[in-house]
Amino acid sequence: MATYKEIYGSTIEVVTSDPENPVTGQIWYNSTDNVVKGAAVTTAGAWATGADLNTGRTNIAGCGVSNTASIAVGGRIPPSSQQAVVESYDGTSWTEVGDLNTARNYIGVFGSSTAAIGAGGATTVYQSVVESWNGSSWSEVADINSARGYMPGAGTQTSGLIMGGEPDTLDTLVESWNGSSWTEVGDLNTGVRQSARGGQVDNNSAIKAGGYTGTAATANAEEWNGTSWAEVSDLNTARYSLNGDGATSTASLAFGGYTTADVAITEEWNGTSWTEIADMSTARNALGGSGSTSSALAFGGAPSLATTEEWTGAGAPLTVTFTDS
């Protein structure tokens, strides 16, 4: 039988009071109460099959607040067909809406299904073009300072970030968007591309997890406080070409990706640590993602997947006291 440390990578923590925001499955010893306790939920979170995209594609981006209000943006159909197509999801089906003005893949996208930004990306060259989405059409706005692709974005249409990316010379670079222009801000500590993101509140709070360093997959995660990046607890599984989302930098998901093969792994971040939770039905990389820890989407991916999965988070949390009876 596996031990707690073998499963979660650490021993049971000793605390004087119960954690404020424990992850489901976390166990601790409360030295004040002299009992072992754990975090549980009334129902477990799970992935379920959603409606297929109209255009299956890889290297796809997305954003949105939930699995009933999201958009899928751009992408590529191998070997080299760059996509301008944008689709909107209402919880039942995908509908093609206004195309991007510039077809590209691995775009840094952030915002909502009705108000979003799509920055940079790749065609045969790296792009600096930025487009703004108003719910029906895209319009070009101020370019990013450095052309690049393969980077995540986080935030809102008027307050966002793009983080790292490719080419390798720009893989630590972070730019902040204020609704009208881009400004270079504090660099990542570890240069990376093809990582997951979380934080859709503004450009003062975000998290980046996993990715490719140029030589290997990484489990590294960093959190942004509006001024600088701090390294936080690593993912349990190092991987790249994953995706993720979350409403804040203290409540995010990271799912899918590639190690030596595609993976279906999903991990949840609570502001302190990552916990592996329910896997997706389909292992995939270079997928799109949107939503929050309670309501998220995973869609598309390599080689040209059209399938969608809907995440419904765990039910109401509760603390369980373990006894020997």
C-alpha atoms as a PDB file:
ATOM      1  CA  MET A   1       0.000   0.000   0.000  1.00  0.00           C
ATOM      2  CA  ALA A   2       1.340   3.447  -0.926  1.00  0.00           C
ATOM      3  CA  THR A   3       2.102   5.828   1.909  1.00  0.00           C
ATOM      4  CA  TYR A   4       0.852   9.407   2.141  1.00  0.00           C
ATOM      5  CA  LYS A   5       4.377  10.656   1.339  1.00  0.00           C
ATOM      6  CA  GLU A   6       4.630   8.431  -1.750  1.00  0.00           C
ATOM      7  CA  ILE A   7       1.331   9.780  -3.055  1.00  0.00           C
ATOM      8  CA  TYR A   8       1.709  13.476  -2.217  1.00  0.00           C
ATOM      9  CA  GLY A   9       5.491  13.891  -2.044  1.00  0.00           C
ATOM     10  CA  SER A  10       5.601  15.074   1.575  1.00  0.00           C
ATOM     11  CA  THR A  11       4.915  13.871   5.105  1.00  0.00           C
ATOM     12  CA  ILE A  12       1.837  14.867   7.108  1.00  0.00           C
ATOM     13  CA  GLU A  13       2.211  18.492   8.188  1.00  0.00           C
ATOM     14  CA  VAL A  14       1.973  19.404  11.884  1.00  0.00           C
ATOM     15  CA  VAL A  15       0.009  22.616  12.492  1.00  0.00           C
ATOM     16  CA  THR A  16      -1.467  24.399  15.487  1.00  0.00           C
ATOM     17  CA  SER A  17      -4.661  25.335  13.622  1.00  0.00           C
ATOM     18  CA  ASP A  18      -6.434  23.971  10.556  1.00  0.00           C
ATOM     19  CA  PRO A  19      -5.290  25.411   7.163  1.00  0.00           C
ATOM     20  CA  GLU A  20      -7.513  28.154   5.802  1.00  0.00           C
ATOM     21  CA  ASN A  21      -7.671  26.806   2.236  1.00  0.00           C
ATOM     22  CA  PRO A  22      -6.725  23.102   2.169  1.00  0.00           C
ATOM     23  CA  VAL A  23      -6.727  21.068  -1.049  1.00  0.00           C
ATOM     24  CA  THR A  24      -8.979  18.031  -1.295  1.00  0.00           C
ATOM     25  CA  GLY A  25      -7.032  15.025  -0.027  1.00  0.00           C
ATOM     26  CA  GLN A  26      -4.632  17.100   2.091  1.00  0.00           C
ATOM     27  CA  ILE A  27      -4.013  15.662   5.583  1.00  0.00           C
ATOM     28  CA  TRP A  28      -2.525  17.407   8.603  1.00  0.00           C
ATOM     29  CA  TYR A  29      -1.999  16.829  12.329  1.00  0.00           C
ATOM     30  CA  ASN A  30      -3.590  19.523  14.505  1.00  0.00           C
ATOM     31  CA  SER A  31      -1.350  19.643  17.569  1.00  0.00           C
ATOM     32  CA  THR A  32      -3.825  21.842  19.442  1.00  0.00           C
ATOM     33  CA  ASP A  33      -6.666  19.336  19.056  1.00  0.00           C
ATOM     34  CA  ASN A  34      -4.283  16.321  19.085  1.00  0.00           C
ATOM     35  CA  VAL A  35      -6.014  14.749  16.068  1.00  0.00           C
ATOM     36  CA  VAL A  36      -5.305  13.995  12.438  1.00  0.00           C
ATOM     37  CA  LYS A  37      -7.582  15.843  10.044  1.00  0.00           C
ATOM     38  CA  GLY A  38      -8.111  15.977   6.288  1.00  0.00           C
ATOM     39  CA  ALA A  39      -9.843  17.998   3.594  1.00  0.00           C
ATOM     40  CA  ALA A  40     -12.724  16.349   1.763  1.00  0.00           C
ATOM     41  CA  VAL A  41     -15.670  17.444  -0.345  1.00  0.00           C
ATOM     42  CA  THR A  42     -19.294  16.469  -0.567  1.00  0.00           C
ATOM     43  CA  THR A  43     -18.756  15.497  -4.240  1.00  0.00           C
ATOM     44  CA  ALA A  44     -15.535  15.006  -6.212  1.00  0.00           C
ATOM     45  CA  GLY A  45     -14.582  17.148  -9.199  1.00  0.00           C
ATOM     46  CA  ALA A  46     -14.647  15.457 -12.601  1.00  0.00           C
ATOM     47  CA  TRP A  47     -14.256  15.889 -16.346  1.00  0.00           C
ATOM     48  CA  ALA A  48     -17.186  15.128 -18.683  1.00  0.00           C
ATOM     49  CA  THR A  49     -17.490  15.014 -22.472  1.00  0.00           C
ATOM     50  CA  GLY A  50     -18.552  18.257 -24.124  1.00  0.00           C
ATOM     51  CA  ALA A  51     -19.392  19.190 -27.708  1.00  0.00           C
ATOM     52  CA  ASP A  52     -16.699  18.983 -30.400  1.00  0.00           C
ATOM     53  CA  LEU A  53     -15.100  22.037 -31.933  1.00  0.00           C
ATOM     54  CA  ASN A  54     -16.218  22.735 -35.498  1.00  0.00           C
ATOM     55  CA  THR A  55     -12.560  22.908 -36.550  1.00  0.00           C
ATOM     56  CA  GLY A  56     -10.201  20.486 -34.830  1.00  0.00           C
ATOM     57  CA  ARG A  57      -6.751  21.983 -34.374  1.00  0.00           C
ATOM     58  CA  THR A  58      -3.604  22.051 -32.304  1.00  0.00           C
ATOM     59  CA  ASN A  59      -1.608  24.911 -30.725  1.00  0.00           C
ATOM     60  CA  ILE A  60      -4.944  26.480 -29.833  1.00  0.00           C
ATOM     61  CA  ALA A  61      -5.589  29.244 -27.290  1.00  0.00           C
ATOM     62  CA  GLY A  62      -8.641  30.137 -25.287  1.00  0.00           C
ATOM     63  CA  CYS A  63     -10.148  32.178 -22.504  1.00  0.00           C
ATOM     64  CA  GLY A  64     -13.395  32.621 -20.621  1.00  0.00           C
ATOM     65  CA  VAL A  65     -14.837  32.586 -17.146  1.00  0.00           C
ATOM     66  CA  SER A  66     -16.492  29.153 -17.158  1.00  0.00           C
ATOM     67  CA  ASN A  67     -17.339  26.046 -19.186  1.00  0.00           C
ATOM     68  CA  THR A  68     -20.490  27.790 -20.417  1.00  0.00           C
ATOM     69  CA  ALA A  69     -18.829  31.018 -21.594  1.00  0.00           C
ATOM     70  CA  SER A  70     -15.500  30.556 -23.384  1.00  0.00           C
ATOM     71  CA  ILE A  71     -13.797  31.113 -26.731  1.00  0.00           C
ATOM     72  CA  ALA A  72     -11.254  29.033 -28.694  1.00  0.00           C
ATOM     73  CA  VAL A  73      -8.820  31.173 -30.674  1.00  0.00           C
ATOM     74  CA  GLY A  74      -6.554  30.458 -33.655  1.00  0.00           C
ATOM     75  CA  GLY A  75      -4.343  27.388 -33.800  1.00  0.00           C
ATOM     76  CA  ARG A  76      -2.853  25.230 -36.508  1.00  0.00           C
ATOM     77  CA  ILE A  77      -3.823  22.210 -38.595  1.00  0.00           C
ATOM     78  CA  PRO A  78      -0.623  20.283 -39.345  1.00  0.00           C
ATOM     79  CA  PRO A  79       1.588  20.502 -41.148  1.00  0.00           C
ATOM     80  CA  SER A  80       1.367  24.270 -41.643  1.00  0.00           C
ATOM     81  CA  SER A  81      -2.197  25.592 -41.954  1.00  0.00           C
ATOM     82  CA  GLN A  82      -2.397  28.590 -39.617  1.00  0.00           C
ATOM     83  CA  GLN A  83      -5.912  29.221 -38.320  1.00  0.00           C
ATOM     84  CA  ALA A  84      -7.808  32.497 -37.876  1.00  0.00           C
ATOM     85  CA  VAL A  85     -10.982  30.721 -36.799  1.00  0.00           C
ATOM     86  CA  VAL A  86     -12.581  31.635 -33.472  1.00  0.00           C
ATOM     87  CA  GLU A  87     -15.350  29.630 -31.816  1.00  0.00           C
ATOM     88  CA  SER A  88     -17.589  30.437 -28.863  1.00  0.00           C
ATOM     89  CA  TYR A  89     -18.883  27.824 -26.373  1.00  0.00           C
ATOM     90  CA  ASP A  90     -22.163  28.226 -24.478  1.00  0.00           C
ATOM     91  CA  GLY A  91     -22.101  24.994 -22.531  1.00  0.00           C
ATOM     92  CA  THR A  92     -23.924  23.077 -25.250  1.00  0.00           C
ATOM     93  CA  SER A  93     -22.154  23.705 -28.552  1.00  0.00           C
ATOM     94  CA  TRP A  94     -19.371  25.609 -30.310  1.00  0.00           C
ATOM     95  CA  THR A  95     -20.348  28.364 -32.747  1.00  0.00           C
ATOM     96  CA  GLU A  96     -17.983  30.007 -35.226  1.00  0.00           C
ATOM     97  CA  VAL A  97     -17.784  33.731 -34.605  1.00  0.00           C
ATOM     98  CA  GLY A  98     -15.563  36.525 -35.942  1.00  0.00           C
ATOM     99  CA  ASP A  99     -12.171  35.401 -37.270  1.00  0.00           C
ATOM    100  CA  LEU A 100      -8.858  36.888 -36.230  1.00  0.00           C
ATOM    101  CA  ASN A 101      -7.448  39.386 -38.716  1.00  0.00           C
ATOM    102  CA  THR A 102      -4.111  37.535 -38.641  1.00  0.00           C
ATOM    103  CA  ALA A 103      -4.138  33.720 -38.632  1.00  0.00           C
ATOM    104  CA  ARG A 104      -1.619  32.303 -36.129  1.00  0.00           C
ATOM    105  CA  ASN A 105      -1.026  29.651 -33.496  1.00  0.00           C
ATOM    106  CA  TYR A 106       0.139  29.605 -29.878  1.00  0.00           C
ATOM    107  CA  ILE A 107      -1.278  33.051 -29.205  1.00  0.00           C
ATOM    108  CA  GLY A 108      -1.219  34.627 -25.732  1.00  0.00           C
ATOM    109  CA  VAL A 109      -4.939  35.040 -25.020  1.00  0.00           C
ATOM    110  CA  PHE A 110      -6.641  36.408 -21.907  1.00  0.00           C
ATOM    111  CA  GLY A 111      -9.964  37.911 -20.860  1.00  0.00           C
ATOM    112  CA  SER A 112     -13.545  36.710 -21.221  1.00  0.00           C
ATOM    113  CA  SER A 113     -15.672  35.268 -24.024  1.00  0.00           C
ATOM    114  CA  THR A 114     -16.944  38.777 -24.847  1.00  0.00           C
ATOM    115  CA  ALA A 115     -13.887  40.928 -24.068  1.00  0.00           C
ATOM    116  CA  ALA A 116     -10.457  39.469 -24.781  1.00  0.00           C
ATOM    117  CA  ILE A 117      -6.929  40.148 -26.017  1.00  0.00           C
ATOM    118  CA  GLY A 118      -4.927  37.924 -28.400  1.00  0.00           C
ATOM    119  CA  ALA A 119      -1.224  38.805 -28.439  1.00  0.00           C
ATOM    120  CA  GLY A 120       1.679  37.568 -30.554  1.00  0.00           C
ATOM    121  CA  GLY A 121       1.789  33.985 -31.787  1.00  0.00           C
ATOM    122  CA  ALA A 122       3.519  32.204 -34.619  1.00  0.00           C
ATOM    123  CA  THR A 123       3.092  31.728 -38.354  1.00  0.00           C
ATOM    124  CA  THR A 124       6.235  31.163 -40.382  1.00  0.00           C
ATOM    125  CA  VAL A 125       7.696  33.886 -38.136  1.00  0.00           C
ATOM    126  CA  TYR A 126       6.966  35.137 -34.625  1.00  0.00           C
ATOM    127  CA  GLN A 127       4.306  37.817 -34.442  1.00  0.00           C
ATOM    128  CA  SER A 128       3.982  41.080 -32.483  1.00  0.00           C
ATOM    129  CA  VAL A 129       0.423  41.807 -33.623  1.00  0.00           C
ATOM    130  CA  VAL A 130      -2.272  42.191 -30.952  1.00  0.00           C
ATOM    131  CA  GLU A 131      -6.029  42.043 -31.465  1.00  0.00           C
ATOM    132  CA  SER A 132      -8.892  42.980 -29.177  1.00  0.00           C
ATOM    133  CA  TRP A 133     -12.205  41.046 -29.113  1.00  0.00           C
ATOM    134  CA  ASN A 134     -15.531  42.772 -28.393  1.00  0.00           C
ATOM    135  CA  GLY A 135     -17.774  39.715 -28.561  1.00  0.00           C
ATOM    136  CA  SER A 136     -18.360  39.875 -32.312  1.00  0.00           C
ATOM    137  CA  SER A 137     -15.172  41.014 -34.057  1.00  0.00           C
ATOM    138  CA  TRP A 138     -11.433  41.568 -33.632  1.00  0.00           C
ATOM    139  CA  SER A 139      -9.614  44.876 -34.083  1.00  0.00           C
ATOM    140  CA  GLU A 140      -5.882  45.506 -34.084  1.00  0.00           C
ATOM    141  CA  VAL A 141      -4.488  47.422 -31.119  1.00  0.00           C
ATOM    142  CA  ALA A 142      -0.959  48.238 -29.902  1.00  0.00           C
ATOM    143  CA  ASP A 143       1.687  45.592 -30.721  1.00  0.00           C
ATOM    144  CA  ILE A 144       3.683  43.799 -28.037  1.00  0.00           C
ATOM    145  CA  ASN A 145       7.250  45.091 -27.736  1.00  0.00           C
ATOM    146  CA  SER A 146       8.892  41.782 -28.694  1.00  0.00           C
ATOM    147  CA  ALA A 147       7.513  39.420 -31.348  1.00  0.00           C
ATOM    148  CA  ARG A 148       7.058  35.919 -29.943  1.00  0.00           C
ATOM    149  CA  GLY A 149       4.740  32.942 -29.509  1.00  0.00           C
ATOM    150  CA  TYR A 150       4.215  29.862 -27.329  1.00  0.00           C
ATOM    151  CA  MET A 151       3.406  31.944 -24.230  1.00  0.00           C
ATOM    152  CA  PRO A 152       0.372  32.093 -21.954  1.00  0.00           C
ATOM    153  CA  GLY A 153      -1.609  35.184 -21.099  1.00  0.00           C
ATOM    154  CA  ALA A 154      -3.515  36.065 -17.936  1.00  0.00           C
ATOM    155  CA  GLY A 155      -5.785  38.890 -16.823  1.00  0.00           C
ATOM    156  CA  THR A 156      -8.545  40.915 -18.419  1.00  0.00           C
ATOM    157  CA  GLN A 157      -9.015  42.877 -21.645  1.00  0.00           C
ATOM    158  CA  THR A 158      -7.796  46.059 -19.931  1.00  0.00           C
ATOM    159  CA  SER A 159      -5.284  44.604 -17.468  1.00  0.00           C
ATOM    160  CA  GLY A 160      -3.258  41.579 -18.498  1.00  0.00           C
ATOM    161  CA  LEU A 161       0.099  39.832 -18.894  1.00  0.00           C
ATOM    162  CA  ILE A 162       1.954  37.656 -21.381  1.00  0.00           C
ATOM    163  CA  MET A 163       4.702  35.470 -19.913  1.00  0.00           C
ATOM    164  CA  GLY A 164       7.851  33.948 -21.400  1.00  0.00           C
ATOM    165  CA  GLY A 165       7.612  32.312 -24.808  1.00  0.00           C
ATOM    166  CA  GLU A 166       9.712  31.641 -27.859  1.00  0.00           C
ATOM    167  CA  PRO A 167      12.278  32.468 -29.287  1.00  0.00           C
ATOM    168  CA  ASP A 168      14.560  31.346 -26.460  1.00  0.00           C
ATOM    169  CA  THR A 169      16.101  34.796 -26.111  1.00  0.00           C
ATOM    170  CA  LEU A 170      12.721  36.036 -24.870  1.00  0.00           C
ATOM    171  CA  ASP A 171      11.736  33.122 -22.642  1.00  0.00           C
ATOM    172  CA  THR A 172      11.946  35.117 -19.384  1.00  0.00           C
ATOM    173  CA  LEU A 173      10.320  38.273 -20.771  1.00  0.00           C
ATOM    174  CA  VAL A 174       7.004  39.466 -19.334  1.00  0.00           C
ATOM    175  CA  GLU A 175       4.884  42.279 -20.707  1.00  0.00           C
ATOM    176  CA  SER A 176       1.973  44.025 -18.998  1.00  0.00           C
ATOM    177  CA  TRP A 177      -1.093  45.424 -20.814  1.00  0.00           C
ATOM    178  CA  ASN A 178      -3.052  48.389 -19.420  1.00  0.00           C
ATOM    179  CA  GLY A 179      -5.768  48.565 -22.059  1.00  0.00           C
ATOM    180  CA  SER A 180      -3.821  50.753 -24.475  1.00  0.00           C
ATOM    181  CA  SER A 181      -0.103  49.846 -24.400  1.00  0.00           C
ATOM    182  CA  TRP A 182       2.437  47.195 -23.383  1.00  0.00           C
ATOM    183  CA  THR A 183       5.215  47.650 -20.821  1.00  0.00           C
ATOM    184  CA  GLU A 184       8.052  45.257 -20.030  1.00  0.00           C
ATOM    185  CA  VAL A 185       7.924  44.302 -16.352  1.00  0.00           C
ATOM    186  CA  GLY A 186       9.754  41.875 -14.050  1.00  0.00           C
ATOM    187  CA  ASP A 187      11.259  38.826 -15.766  1.00  0.00           C
ATOM    188  CA  LEU A 188      10.445  35.235 -14.908  1.00  0.00           C
ATOM    189  CA  ASN A 189      13.113  33.532 -12.799  1.00  0.00           C
ATOM    190  CA  THR A 190      13.165  30.508 -15.130  1.00  0.00           C
ATOM    191  CA  GLY A 191      12.970  30.976 -18.891  1.00  0.00           C
ATOM    192  CA  VAL A 192      10.150  28.884 -20.281  1.00  0.00           C
ATOM    193  CA  ARG A 193       7.646  28.432 -23.086  1.00  0.00           C
ATOM    194  CA  GLN A 194       4.504  26.328 -23.565  1.00  0.00           C
ATOM    195  CA  SER A 195       3.464  26.710 -19.919  1.00  0.00           C
ATOM    196  CA  ALA A 196       0.088  26.932 -18.158  1.00  0.00           C
ATOM    197  CA  ARG A 197      -1.384  30.057 -16.655  1.00  0.00           C
ATOM    198  CA  GLY A 198      -3.797  31.078 -13.933  1.00  0.00           C
ATOM    199  CA  GLY A 199      -5.201  34.406 -12.761  1.00  0.00           C
ATOM    200  CA  GLN A 200      -7.924  36.275 -14.617  1.00  0.00           C
ATOM    201  CA  VAL A 201      -8.443  39.226 -12.296  1.00  0.00           C
ATOM    202  CA  ASP A 202      -5.879  41.797 -13.505  1.00  0.00           C
ATOM    203  CA  ASN A 203      -2.185  42.210 -14.310  1.00  0.00           C
ATOM    204  CA  ASN A 204      -1.205  42.261 -10.632  1.00  0.00           C
ATOM    205  CA  SER A 205      -1.806  38.598  -9.862  1.00  0.00           C
ATOM    206  CA  ALA A 206      -0.971  35.500 -11.910  1.00  0.00           C
ATOM    207  CA  ILE A 207       0.685  32.103 -11.786  1.00  0.00           C
ATOM    208  CA  LYS A 208       2.708  30.251 -14.429  1.00  0.00           C
ATOM    209  CA  ALA A 209       3.334  26.513 -14.213  1.00  0.00           C
ATOM    210  CA  GLY A 210       5.321  23.919 -16.148  1.00  0.00           C
ATOM    211  CA  GLY A 211       6.638  24.399 -19.665  1.00  0.00           C
ATOM    212  CA  TYR A 212       9.759  23.743 -21.717  1.00  0.00           C
ATOM    213  CA  THR A 213      13.105  25.290 -20.804  1.00  0.00           C
ATOM    214  CA  GLY A 214      14.734  24.662 -24.167  1.00  0.00           C
ATOM    215  CA  THR A 215      16.268  21.396 -23.001  1.00  0.00           C
ATOM    216  CA  ALA A 216      13.609  19.665 -20.903  1.00  0.00           C
ATOM    217  CA  ALA A 217      10.137  19.782 -19.416  1.00  0.00           C
ATOM    218  CA  THR A 218       9.944  21.591 -16.086  1.00  0.00           C
ATOM    219  CA  ALA A 219       7.665  21.391 -13.048  1.00  0.00           C
ATOM    220  CA  ASN A 220       8.629  24.920 -12.006  1.00  0.00           C
ATOM    221  CA  ALA A 221       5.848  27.284 -10.933  1.00  0.00           C
ATOM    222  CA  GLU A 222       6.097  31.017 -10.291  1.00  0.00           C
ATOM    223  CA  GLU A 223       3.635  33.525  -8.852  1.00  0.00           C
ATOM    224  CA  TRP A 224       3.345  37.211  -9.853  1.00  0.00           C
ATOM    225  CA  ASN A 225       2.471  39.889  -7.278  1.00  0.00           C
ATOM    226  CA  GLY A 226       2.348  42.877  -9.615  1.00  0.00           C
ATOM    227  CA  THR A 227       6.044  43.645  -9.237  1.00  0.00           C
ATOM    228  CA  SER A 228       8.077  40.440  -9.332  1.00  0.00           C
ATOM    229  CA  TRP A 229       7.928  36.663  -9.715  1.00  0.00           C
ATOM    230  CA  ALA A 230       8.515  34.276  -6.825  1.00  0.00           C
ATOM    231  CA  GLU A 231       9.122  30.556  -7.185  1.00  0.00           C
ATOM    232  CA  VAL A 232       6.450  28.506  -5.440  1.00  0.00           C
ATOM    233  CA  SER A 233       5.757  24.773  -5.086  1.00  0.00           C
ATOM    234  CA  ASP A 234       6.417  22.753  -8.235  1.00  0.00           C
ATOM    235  CA  LEU A 235       3.870  20.766 -10.170  1.00  0.00           C
ATOM    236  CA  ASN A 236       3.872  17.088  -9.248  1.00  0.00           C
ATOM    237  CA  THR A 237       4.544  16.154 -12.895  1.00  0.00           C
ATOM    238  CA  ALA A 238       6.959  18.133 -15.074  1.00  0.00           C
ATOM    239  CA  ARG A 239       5.483  18.710 -18.535  1.00  0.00           C
ATOM    240  CA  TYR A 240       5.050  21.212 -21.335  1.00  0.00           C
ATOM    241  CA  SER A 241       2.416  22.099 -23.918  1.00  0.00           C
ATOM    242  CA  LEU A 242      -0.096  21.940 -21.094  1.00  0.00           C
ATOM    243  CA  ASN A 243      -2.852  24.439 -20.413  1.00  0.00           C
ATOM    244  CA  GLY A 244      -4.677  25.732 -17.406  1.00  0.00           C
ATOM    245  CA  ASP A 245      -6.797  28.451 -15.944  1.00  0.00           C
ATOM    246  CA  GLY A 246      -8.189  29.900 -12.768  1.00  0.00           C
ATOM    247  CA  ALA A 247      -9.903  32.991 -11.487  1.00  0.00           C
ATOM    248  CA  THR A 248      -6.982  33.937  -9.230  1.00  0.00           C
ATOM    249  CA  SER A 249      -3.321  33.131  -8.653  1.00  0.00           C
ATOM    250  CA  THR A 250      -4.315  31.154  -5.553  1.00  0.00           C
ATOM    251  CA  ALA A 251      -6.942  28.953  -7.222  1.00  0.00           C
ATOM    252  CA  SER A 252      -5.902  27.480 -10.566  1.00  0.00           C
ATOM    253  CA  LEU A 253      -5.816  24.307 -12.651  1.00  0.00           C
ATOM    254  CA  ALA A 254      -3.085  22.832 -14.867  1.00  0.00           C
ATOM    255  CA  PHE A 255      -4.093  20.029 -17.233  1.00  0.00           C
ATOM    256  CA  GLY A 256      -2.790  17.908 -20.079  1.00  0.00           C
ATOM    257  CA  GLY A 257       0.631  18.342 -21.645  1.00  0.00           C
ATOM    258  CA  TYR A 258       3.573  16.282 -22.802  1.00  0.00           C
ATOM    259  CA  THR A 259       6.338  14.436 -20.944  1.00  0.00           C
ATOM    260  CA  THR A 260       7.634  11.568 -23.085  1.00  0.00           C
ATOM    261  CA  ALA A 261       4.048  11.124 -24.261  1.00  0.00           C
ATOM    262  CA  ASP A 262       0.756  12.994 -24.024  1.00  0.00           C
ATOM    263  CA  VAL A 263      -0.737  13.056 -20.520  1.00  0.00           C
ATOM    264  CA  ALA A 264      -4.248  13.546 -19.119  1.00  0.00           C
ATOM    265  CA  ILE A 265      -3.030  14.710 -15.693  1.00  0.00           C
ATOM    266  CA  THR A 266      -4.918  17.492 -13.925  1.00  0.00           C
ATOM    267  CA  GLU A 267      -3.481  19.364 -10.944  1.00  0.00           C
ATOM    268  CA  GLU A 268      -5.096  21.980  -8.714  1.00  0.00           C
ATOM    269  CA  TRP A 269      -3.285  24.893  -7.047  1.00  0.00           C
ATOM    270  CA  ASN A 270      -4.592  26.347  -3.772  1.00  0.00           C
ATOM    271  CA  GLY A 271      -2.004  29.068  -3.283  1.00  0.00           C
ATOM    272  CA  THR A 272       0.377  26.746  -1.424  1.00  0.00           C
ATOM    273  CA  SER A 273       0.680  23.436  -3.257  1.00  0.00           C
ATOM    274  CA  TRP A 274      -0.407  21.422  -6.289  1.00  0.00           C
ATOM    275  CA  THR A 275      -2.587  18.340  -5.877  1.00  0.00           C
ATOM    276  CA  GLU A 276      -3.300  15.758  -8.563  1.00  0.00           C
ATOM    277  CA  ILE A 277      -7.023  15.355  -9.067  1.00  0.00           C
ATOM    278  CA  ALA A 278      -9.209  13.700 -11.724  1.00  0.00           C
ATOM    279  CA  ASP A 279      -7.534  13.029 -15.088  1.00  0.00           C
ATOM    280  CA  MET A 280      -9.042  14.083 -18.391  1.00  0.00           C
ATOM    281  CA  SER A 281     -10.552  11.330 -20.522  1.00  0.00           C
ATOM    282  CA  THR A 282      -8.166  12.078 -23.404  1.00  0.00           C
ATOM    283  CA  ALA A 283      -4.430  12.595 -22.954  1.00  0.00           C
ATOM    284  CA  ARG A 284      -3.431  15.589 -25.079  1.00  0.00           C
ATOM    285  CA  ASN A 285      -0.922  18.397 -25.514  1.00  0.00           C
ATOM    286  CA  ALA A 286      -1.007  21.794 -27.255  1.00  0.00           C
ATOM    287  CA  LEU A 287      -4.618  22.124 -26.110  1.00  0.00           C
ATOM    288  CA  GLY A 288      -6.762  25.118 -25.283  1.00  0.00           C
ATOM    289  CA  GLY A 289      -8.131  25.893 -21.839  1.00  0.00           C
ATOM    290  CA  SER A 290     -10.431  28.323 -20.063  1.00  0.00           C
ATOM    291  CA  GLY A 291     -12.503  28.817 -16.928  1.00  0.00           C
ATOM    292  CA  SER A 292     -11.855  28.338 -13.226  1.00  0.00           C
ATOM    293  CA  THR A 293     -11.260  25.613 -10.641  1.00  0.00           C
ATOM    294  CA  SER A 294     -15.019  25.135 -10.377  1.00  0.00           C
ATOM    295  CA  SER A 295     -15.922  25.344 -14.077  1.00  0.00           C
ATOM    296  CA  ALA A 296     -13.343  24.849 -16.846  1.00  0.00           C
ATOM    297  CA  LEU A 297     -12.864  23.633 -20.418  1.00  0.00           C
ATOM    298  CA  ALA A 298     -10.136  21.660 -22.195  1.00  0.00           C
ATOM    299  CA  PHE A 299     -10.390  21.549 -25.990  1.00  0.00           C
ATOM    300  CA  GLY A 300      -8.477  20.710 -29.125  1.00  0.00           C
ATOM    301  CA  GLY A 301      -4.821  19.693 -29.094  1.00  0.00           C
ATOM    302  CA  ALA A 302      -2.310  17.697 -31.116  1.00  0.00           C
ATOM    303  CA  PRO A 303      -2.498  16.444 -33.760  1.00  0.00           C
ATOM    304  CA  SER A 304      -5.838  18.115 -34.712  1.00  0.00           C
ATOM    305  CA  LEU A 305      -8.288  17.173 -31.993  1.00  0.00           C
ATOM    306  CA  ALA A 306     -11.811  18.570 -31.957  1.00  0.00           C
ATOM    307  CA  THR A 307     -12.890  16.973 -28.676  1.00  0.00           C
ATOM    308  CA  THR A 308     -13.871  19.027 -25.644  1.00  0.00           C
ATOM    309  CA  GLU A 309     -14.002  18.166 -21.960  1.00  0.00           C
ATOM    310  CA  GLU A 310     -15.906  20.093 -19.298  1.00  0.00           C
ATOM    311  CA  TRP A 311     -14.566  20.327 -15.748  1.00  0.00           C
ATOM    312  CA  THR A 312     -16.943  20.651 -12.816  1.00  0.00           C
ATOM    313  CA  GLY A 313     -15.112  21.286  -9.562  1.00  0.00           C
ATOM    314  CA  ALA A 314     -15.546  19.586  -6.246  1.00  0.00           C
ATOM    315  CA  GLY A 315     -18.560  20.310  -4.083  1.00  0.00           C
ATOM    316  CA  ALA A 316     -18.641  22.109  -0.786  1.00  0.00           C
ATOM    317  CA  PRO A 317     -15.430  21.555   1.213  1.00  0.00           C
ATOM    318  CA  LEU A 318     -15.443  19.981   4.656  1.00  0.00           C
ATOM    319  CA  THR A 319     -12.837  19.008   7.239  1.00  0.00           C
ATOM    320  CA  VAL A 320     -12.810  15.378   8.373  1.00  0.00           C
ATOM    321  CA  THR A 321     -11.357  14.180  11.684  1.00  0.00           C
ATOM    322  CA  PHE A 322      -9.777  10.726  11.556  1.00  0.00           C
ATOM    323  CA  THR A 323     -10.243   8.340  14.471  1.00  0.00           C
ATOM    324  CA  ASP A 324      -9.021   4.820  15.201  1.00  0.00           C
ATOM    325  CA  SER A 325     -12.523   3.506  15.758  1.00  0.00           C
END
